[in-house]
């Protein structure tokens, strides 16, 4: 289980950090706040703060049918709050960015491991 978690953590960080980079470039966000160093740090922190709960806590409290919707909504909100404070950007924008990063990450996981 630990090996699966570590793989999930590394892949999630890579995927979501890449999405953060792409969004910062596409939306031409402030280069001082959105430096490569800040984006990498934020991507690592956001995933490291949420993924352990998904792997080790949520499965014990949620039936499988609720696990994925509650999991994705919770992670999206928690990461959006983290990004809001870290990047000092308004919450609605970060809610969308967090949703996009998690949607891409979840979609890639479904394609790679469920098919």
Protein backbone atom coordinates (compact mmCIF):
# COMPACT_ATOMS: atom_id res chain seq x y z
CA UNK A 1 0.00 0.00 0.00
CA UNK A 2 2.88 2.39 0.77
CA UNK A 3 4.42 1.80 -2.68
CA UNK A 4 1.06 2.57 -4.31
CA UNK A 5 0.76 5.71 -2.23
CA UNK A 6 4.26 6.92 -3.15
CA UNK A 7 3.59 6.30 -6.84
CA UNK A 8 0.27 8.13 -6.56
CA UNK A 9 1.92 11.04 -4.76
CA UNK A 10 4.72 11.44 -7.31
CA UNK A 11 2.38 11.17 -10.31
CA UNK A 12 -0.18 13.51 -8.76
CA UNK A 13 2.49 16.12 -8.02
CA UNK A 14 3.84 15.86 -11.58
CA UNK A 15 0.42 16.08 -13.20
CA UNK A 16 -1.04 18.86 -11.06
CA UNK A 17 2.15 20.93 -11.09
CA UNK A 18 2.24 20.67 -14.88
CA UNK A 19 -1.37 21.88 -15.00
CA UNK A 20 -0.46 24.81 -12.73
CA UNK A 21 2.40 25.74 -15.08
CA UNK A 22 0.15 25.52 -18.13
CA UNK A 23 -2.56 27.65 -16.52
CA UNK A 24 -0.07 30.29 -15.35
CA UNK A 25 1.29 30.54 -18.91
CA UNK A 26 -2.12 30.48 -20.62
CA UNK A 27 -3.62 33.10 -18.29
CA UNK A 28 -0.36 35.10 -18.26
CA UNK A 29 -0.36 35.30 -14.47
CA UNK A 30 2.02 37.55 -12.52
CA UNK A 31 5.53 36.15 -13.05
CA UNK A 32 6.75 37.22 -9.61
CA UNK A 33 4.02 35.31 -7.75
CA UNK A 34 3.99 32.49 -10.28
CA UNK A 35 7.69 31.82 -10.59
CA UNK A 36 8.74 28.26 -11.35
CA UNK A 37 9.91 27.86 -7.76
CA UNK A 38 6.54 28.99 -6.35
CA UNK A 39 4.54 26.78 -8.69
CA UNK A 40 6.63 23.69 -7.92
CA UNK A 41 6.40 24.38 -4.17
CA UNK A 42 2.63 24.89 -4.38
CA UNK A 43 2.13 21.74 -6.44
CA UNK A 44 4.15 19.65 -4.00
CA UNK A 45 2.49 21.12 -0.93
CA UNK A 46 -1.09 20.91 -2.20
CA UNK A 47 -0.78 17.25 -3.17
CA UNK A 48 1.22 16.36 -0.07
CA UNK A 49 -1.43 17.93 2.16
CA UNK A 50 -4.38 16.15 0.58
CA UNK A 51 -3.30 12.79 -0.85
CA UNK A 52 -2.51 11.11 2.51
CA UNK A 53 -6.09 11.75 3.62
CA UNK A 54 -7.41 10.26 0.40
CA UNK A 55 -5.35 7.12 0.81
CA UNK A 56 -5.37 6.55 4.53
CA UNK A 57 -8.35 8.37 6.08
CA UNK A 58 -11.31 8.72 3.69
CA UNK A 59 -11.59 5.01 2.85
CA UNK A 60 -12.38 4.22 6.49
CA UNK A 61 -15.18 6.78 6.79
CA UNK A 62 -16.88 6.75 3.41
CA UNK A 63 -18.64 3.99 1.51
CA UNK A 64 -17.06 3.42 -1.90
CA UNK A 65 -20.00 4.93 -3.77
CA UNK A 66 -19.40 8.29 -2.02
CA UNK A 67 -15.64 8.03 -1.87
CA UNK A 68 -14.79 9.50 -5.27
CA UNK A 69 -17.28 12.41 -5.37
CA UNK A 70 -16.60 13.46 -1.78
CA UNK A 71 -12.88 12.89 -2.26
CA UNK A 72 -12.61 15.04 -5.37
CA UNK A 73 -14.81 17.84 -4.03
CA UNK A 74 -12.93 17.93 -0.71
CA UNK A 75 -9.51 17.92 -2.34
CA UNK A 76 -10.51 20.61 -4.82
CA UNK A 77 -11.75 22.87 -2.02
CA UNK A 78 -8.77 22.27 0.28
CA UNK A 79 -6.26 22.87 -2.50
CA UNK A 80 -8.14 25.97 -3.67
CA UNK A 81 -7.92 27.41 -0.15
CA UNK A 82 -4.21 26.58 -0.01
CA UNK A 83 -3.58 28.24 -3.41
CA UNK A 84 -5.66 31.27 -2.40
CA UNK A 85 -3.46 31.95 0.63
CA UNK A 86 -0.17 30.94 -0.96
CA UNK A 87 -0.54 32.94 -4.16
CA UNK A 88 -2.70 35.69 -2.63
CA UNK A 89 -5.28 35.41 -5.40
CA UNK A 90 -9.06 35.55 -5.03
CA UNK A 91 -10.77 32.30 -4.10
CA UNK A 92 -13.11 31.87 -7.11
CA UNK A 93 -10.18 31.89 -9.55
CA UNK A 94 -8.30 29.33 -7.48
CA UNK A 95 -11.38 27.17 -7.17
CA UNK A 96 -11.42 26.92 -10.96
CA UNK A 97 -7.66 26.30 -11.15
CA UNK A 98 -7.84 23.65 -8.42
CA UNK A 99 -10.78 22.01 -10.18
CA UNK A 100 -8.89 21.89 -13.48
CA UNK A 101 -5.74 20.46 -11.89
CA UNK A 102 -7.72 17.79 -10.04
CA UNK A 103 -9.91 17.00 -13.05
CA UNK A 104 -6.87 16.42 -15.26
CA UNK A 105 -5.14 14.39 -12.54
CA UNK A 106 -8.20 12.24 -11.87
CA UNK A 107 -8.83 11.73 -15.60
CA UNK A 108 -5.26 10.55 -16.18
CA UNK A 109 -5.53 8.16 -13.22
CA UNK A 110 -8.74 6.70 -14.64
CA UNK A 111 -7.14 6.22 -18.05
CA UNK A 112 -3.91 4.74 -16.68
CA UNK A 113 -5.20 2.48 -13.93
CA UNK A 114 -8.87 1.71 -14.47
CA UNK A 115 -8.82 0.74 -18.14
